[in-house]
Protein backbone atom coordinates (compact mmCIF):
# COMPACT_ATOMS: atom_id res chain seq x y z
CA MET A 1 1.92 0.23 -24.28
CA LYS A 2 2.75 1.35 -20.73
CA ILE A 3 0.93 3.56 -18.64
CA ILE A 4 2.34 5.12 -15.37
CA ALA A 5 0.09 6.16 -12.74
CA THR A 6 1.56 8.95 -10.08
CA ASP A 7 0.64 10.28 -6.99
CA PHE A 8 0.60 13.83 -7.57
CA ASP A 9 1.43 15.53 -3.97
CA GLY A 10 4.62 14.67 -2.70
CA THR A 11 5.50 12.33 -5.61
CA LEU A 12 5.43 14.25 -8.69
CA SER A 13 4.59 17.75 -7.30
CA TYR A 14 6.64 19.50 -4.35
CA ASN A 15 5.05 22.38 -3.60
CA GLY A 16 2.84 22.75 -6.67
CA LYS A 17 5.73 22.27 -9.04
CA ILE A 18 6.99 19.73 -11.49
CA SER A 19 11.02 19.89 -11.70
CA ASP A 20 11.92 20.07 -15.71
CA GLU A 21 13.57 17.08 -15.58
CA ASP A 22 10.65 14.81 -15.06
CA LYS A 23 8.59 17.17 -17.58
CA ALA A 24 11.34 16.04 -20.24
CA ALA A 25 11.07 12.42 -19.08
CA ILE A 26 7.25 12.21 -19.16
CA LYS A 27 7.39 13.87 -22.81
CA ARG A 28 10.01 11.15 -23.96
CA PHE A 29 7.90 8.16 -22.30
CA CYS A 30 4.75 9.62 -24.08
CA ASP A 31 6.35 10.02 -27.24
CA ALA A 32 7.21 6.39 -27.29
CA GLY A 33 3.58 5.66 -27.48
CA ASN A 34 2.69 5.14 -23.45
CA LYS A 35 0.36 7.13 -21.19
CA PHE A 36 0.84 9.24 -18.42
CA GLY A 37 -1.32 10.47 -15.83
CA VAL A 38 -2.17 11.78 -12.15
CA VAL A 39 -3.84 9.39 -9.87
CA THR A 40 -4.85 11.63 -6.10
CA GLY A 41 -6.81 11.94 -3.52
CA ARG A 42 -7.99 15.70 -4.66
CA ASP A 43 -11.51 16.01 -5.62
CA LEU A 44 -12.88 16.98 -8.90
CA GLU A 45 -12.38 20.68 -8.93
CA MET A 46 -8.53 20.51 -7.20
CA SER A 47 -8.11 18.51 -10.04
CA PHE A 48 -8.57 20.63 -13.00
CA TRP A 49 -6.24 22.91 -11.01
CA VAL A 50 -3.69 20.00 -11.48
CA ARG A 51 -4.40 19.86 -14.73
CA ASN A 52 -4.07 23.33 -15.38
CA SER A 53 -0.39 22.85 -13.68
CA PHE A 54 0.31 20.03 -15.76
CA PRO A 55 -1.70 20.09 -18.78
CA ASP A 56 0.49 17.36 -20.78
CA CYS A 57 -1.02 14.53 -18.91
CA ASP A 58 -2.91 11.68 -20.69
CA PHE A 59 -5.51 11.26 -17.58
CA ILE A 60 -6.20 12.42 -14.35
CA ILE A 61 -7.86 10.06 -11.86
CA SER A 62 -8.93 12.13 -9.03
CA CYS A 63 -11.52 11.68 -6.16
CA THR A 64 -9.28 8.39 -5.06
CA GLY A 65 -10.08 6.82 -8.11
CA ALA A 66 -13.95 7.79 -8.44
CA VAL A 67 -13.66 10.38 -11.30
CA ILE A 68 -11.75 10.16 -14.20
CA CYS A 69 -10.73 12.93 -16.85
CA ASP A 70 -9.10 12.75 -20.36
CA GLY A 71 -5.97 14.97 -21.03
CA ASP A 72 -8.70 17.65 -22.30
CA GLY A 73 -10.43 17.75 -18.66
CA ASN A 74 -13.38 15.38 -20.21
CA ILE A 75 -14.92 13.65 -17.33
CA ILE A 76 -14.68 9.65 -19.05
CA TYR A 77 -15.64 7.74 -15.78
CA SER A 78 -17.74 8.83 -12.67
CA LYS A 79 -18.86 6.52 -9.57
CA LYS A 80 -20.99 8.30 -6.71
CA GLN A 81 -22.59 6.94 -3.35
CA VAL A 82 -25.91 7.88 -1.94
CA ALA A 83 -25.40 10.11 1.02
CA ASP A 84 -27.28 8.46 3.95
CA GLU A 85 -26.66 7.53 7.72
CA ARG A 86 -23.26 6.05 6.89
CA LEU A 87 -22.36 9.56 5.83
CA TRP A 88 -23.72 11.38 8.66
CA ASP A 89 -22.01 8.72 11.28
CA VAL A 90 -18.65 9.41 9.67
CA ILE A 91 -18.94 12.99 9.98
CA ASP A 92 -19.76 13.08 13.75
CA PHE A 93 -16.93 10.70 14.33
CA ALA A 94 -14.54 12.68 12.65
CA LEU A 95 -15.90 16.08 14.32
CA SER A 96 -16.01 14.73 17.86
CA HIS A 97 -11.58 13.25 17.01
CA GLY A 98 -10.39 16.25 16.29
CA ALA A 99 -11.28 17.13 12.86
CA GLY A 100 -10.35 20.70 11.32
CA SER A 101 -13.34 20.53 8.58
CA PHE A 102 -15.24 18.04 6.11
CA CYS A 103 -15.63 18.64 2.60
CA ILE A 104 -18.32 16.46 0.71
CA SER A 105 -18.12 16.84 -3.01
CA ASP A 106 -20.51 15.63 -5.54
CA GLY A 107 -19.02 16.61 -9.09
CA LEU A 108 -18.05 20.45 -9.07
CA THR A 109 -19.85 20.78 -6.03
CA ARG A 110 -18.19 21.24 -2.63
CA HIS A 111 -19.89 21.10 0.43
CA TYR A 112 -17.62 22.42 3.78
CA ILE A 113 -18.43 21.68 7.10
CA ASP A 114 -16.07 24.16 9.41
CA VAL A 115 -15.86 23.41 13.00
CA ARG A 116 -15.34 27.00 13.87
CA GLY A 117 -18.75 27.66 12.76
CA LYS A 118 -17.98 29.69 9.93
CA ILE A 119 -19.51 27.39 7.19
CA LYS A 120 -22.26 24.87 7.66
CA PRO A 121 -23.98 23.51 4.73
CA ASP A 122 -27.67 22.51 4.51
CA LEU A 123 -26.99 18.50 5.06
CA SER A 124 -30.42 17.69 3.83
CA LYS A 125 -29.65 19.07 0.36
CA ILE A 126 -27.08 16.82 -0.09
CA THR A 127 -28.18 13.00 -1.49
CA GLU A 128 -24.77 11.60 -3.11
CA PHE A 129 -21.16 12.30 -3.40
CA ASN A 130 -17.90 11.68 -5.38
CA HIS A 131 -15.67 12.30 -2.55
CA CYS A 132 -15.22 13.21 1.47
CA ALA A 133 -12.10 14.56 2.60
CA THR A 134 -11.36 15.65 6.24
CA TRP A 135 -8.15 16.65 7.82
CA PHE A 136 -7.47 16.54 11.52
CA TYR A 137 -5.15 19.05 13.93
CA LYS A 138 -3.31 15.37 14.81
CA GLY A 139 -2.24 13.04 12.38
CA GLU A 140 -3.47 10.13 14.69
CA ASN A 141 -6.95 11.03 14.68
CA ALA A 142 -7.02 10.31 10.87
CA GLY A 143 -5.63 7.01 11.77
CA GLU A 144 -8.43 6.67 14.08
CA LEU A 145 -11.15 7.64 11.62
CA ALA A 146 -9.70 5.18 8.77
CA ASP A 147 -9.66 2.46 11.27
CA TYR A 148 -13.39 3.15 12.56
CA ILE A 149 -14.53 2.78 8.87
CA LYS A 150 -12.88 -0.18 7.88
CA GLU A 151 -14.11 -1.98 11.13
CA LYS A 152 -17.69 -0.61 11.09
CA TYR A 153 -18.64 -0.57 7.75
CA ASN A 154 -16.69 -3.39 6.34
CA GLY A 155 -16.50 -2.17 2.59
CA LYS A 156 -19.76 -0.34 2.47
CA PHE A 157 -17.84 2.81 3.11
CA SER A 158 -14.35 3.58 2.45
CA GLY A 159 -11.74 5.61 4.16
CA TYR A 160 -8.10 5.82 3.38
CA ARG A 161 -5.50 7.84 5.61
CA ASN A 162 -3.93 10.50 3.57
CA GLY A 163 -1.08 11.77 5.97
CA GLY A 164 -3.21 13.62 8.64
CA ALA A 165 -6.16 13.75 6.60
CA VAL A 166 -8.50 10.80 5.19
CA ASP A 167 -9.54 10.72 1.93
CA MET A 168 -13.10 8.73 1.35
CA PRO A 169 -14.39 7.74 -2.37
CA PRO A 170 -17.32 5.63 -2.66
CA ALA A 171 -17.75 2.12 -0.93
CA GLY A 172 -15.16 -0.02 -3.17
CA VAL A 173 -13.74 2.76 -5.05
CA SER A 174 -9.76 3.19 -4.86
CA LYS A 175 -6.79 4.58 -6.56
CA SER A 176 -6.58 0.81 -7.90
CA THR A 177 -9.90 0.73 -9.39
CA GLY A 178 -9.48 3.99 -10.94
CA ILE A 179 -6.35 2.69 -12.49
CA LEU A 180 -8.05 -0.39 -13.57
CA ALA A 181 -11.21 1.40 -15.26
CA TYR A 182 -8.68 4.00 -16.92
CA ALA A 183 -6.41 0.78 -18.40
CA ALA A 184 -9.71 -1.11 -19.35
CA MET A 185 -9.97 1.52 -22.47
CA PHE A 186 -6.29 -0.02 -23.84
CA ASP A 187 -5.61 -3.67 -24.92
CA ASP A 188 -3.38 -5.08 -22.24
CA PRO A 189 -1.33 -2.64 -20.89
CA LYS A 190 1.60 -2.38 -18.22
CA ILE A 191 0.60 -0.70 -15.24
CA TYR A 192 3.44 0.99 -13.43
CA THR A 193 2.34 3.40 -9.99
CA VAL A 194 4.60 5.41 -8.24
CA GLY A 195 3.69 6.91 -4.38
CA ASP A 196 4.89 8.34 -1.27
CA ASN A 197 1.60 8.01 1.37
CA TYR A 198 -0.75 5.90 3.13
CA ASN A 199 -3.60 6.20 0.68
CA ASP A 200 -1.29 5.16 -2.24
CA LEU A 201 -0.83 1.92 -0.63
CA GLY A 202 -3.41 0.14 -2.16
CA MET A 203 -2.29 0.96 -5.64
CA ILE A 204 1.58 0.34 -5.11
CA ARG A 205 0.87 -2.96 -3.82
CA ASP A 206 -1.65 -4.09 -6.88
CA PHE A 207 0.61 -3.07 -9.52
CA GLU A 208 4.02 -2.95 -10.10
CA SER A 209 5.25 -0.18 -7.98
CA PHE A 210 7.85 2.72 -7.16
CA ALA A 211 8.61 5.08 -3.87
CA VAL A 212 9.95 8.00 -4.25
CA SER A 213 12.84 8.44 -1.82
CA ASN A 214 10.50 10.76 0.67
CA ALA A 215 7.62 7.90 1.17
CA ILE A 216 6.79 6.81 4.04
CA ASP A 217 8.62 3.63 5.51
CA GLU A 218 5.38 1.73 4.86
CA VAL A 219 5.15 2.49 1.12
CA LYS A 220 8.96 1.71 0.87
CA GLU A 221 8.48 -1.38 1.89
CA ALA A 222 5.71 -2.63 -0.48
CA ALA A 223 6.90 -1.01 -3.18
CA ASP A 224 8.68 -2.97 -5.75
CA HIS A 225 11.25 -0.21 -6.48
CA GLN A 226 12.44 3.10 -5.43
CA CYS A 227 13.55 6.21 -7.30
CA ASN A 228 14.28 9.63 -6.22
CA ARG A 229 12.10 11.37 -8.78
CA ILE A 230 9.79 10.44 -11.53
CA ALA A 231 12.81 10.93 -14.26
CA ASP A 232 14.63 8.37 -12.75
CA MET A 233 11.26 5.51 -12.71
CA ILE A 234 10.77 6.09 -16.39
CA ASP A 235 14.23 5.80 -17.33
CA PHE A 236 14.14 2.44 -15.45
CA ILE A 237 11.28 1.68 -17.49
CA MET A 238 12.34 2.47 -20.43
CA GLU A 239 15.64 0.55 -20.16
CA GLU A 240 13.97 -2.49 -19.04
CA ASN A 241 12.02 -2.37 -22.16
CA GLU A 242 15.20 -2.38 -24.27
CA LYS A 243 16.47 -5.17 -22.81
């Protein structure tokens, strides 16, 4: 049995839409007894929007690997981190380096910090989180935050650049760990991944992988294969299996 874990935005979906060709190929792949799902930096609430737009997926790994839902939207895996001084320090760094907003997610509850002063949550009520995300007016500032987290916390706080944003799951959690947690439910499946941006690099390097044609150069260089669309990837995998 094979598992395809795909990034959503910019990989499977373009402007929130999935092509009919990709949908048909995914159905053919799943009808052959395989599993197809999305792995995304979106939080749990936003991943339900993904599921509603693409109801045929077998699983959704959201919060950059911290939460897994089955095809019916049931949570089957969840990781959290205690909200302590590390989180407050990262918030201060982000907001002082050009962040437009900062979102802390605990399950379906979101807490937004808006630098324009419109939204200011009571941070004292936040005790743990599945995921945090922040976006910047300048993309290079996202890289500065990701580097700051890596250098200062050395694995005790996670930060993955995603274009002009940074996704922050619990320490030690990544898209790869989420994929492995899902794959552990089956008997030795073959795993394939596909993505387009910085936050996909881990899973691109850890499994047999594809980069879509619009991927950044770093992803293309790290991937084993390239494809123009998901349907091409599935054609390659299924033809390879027939050899």
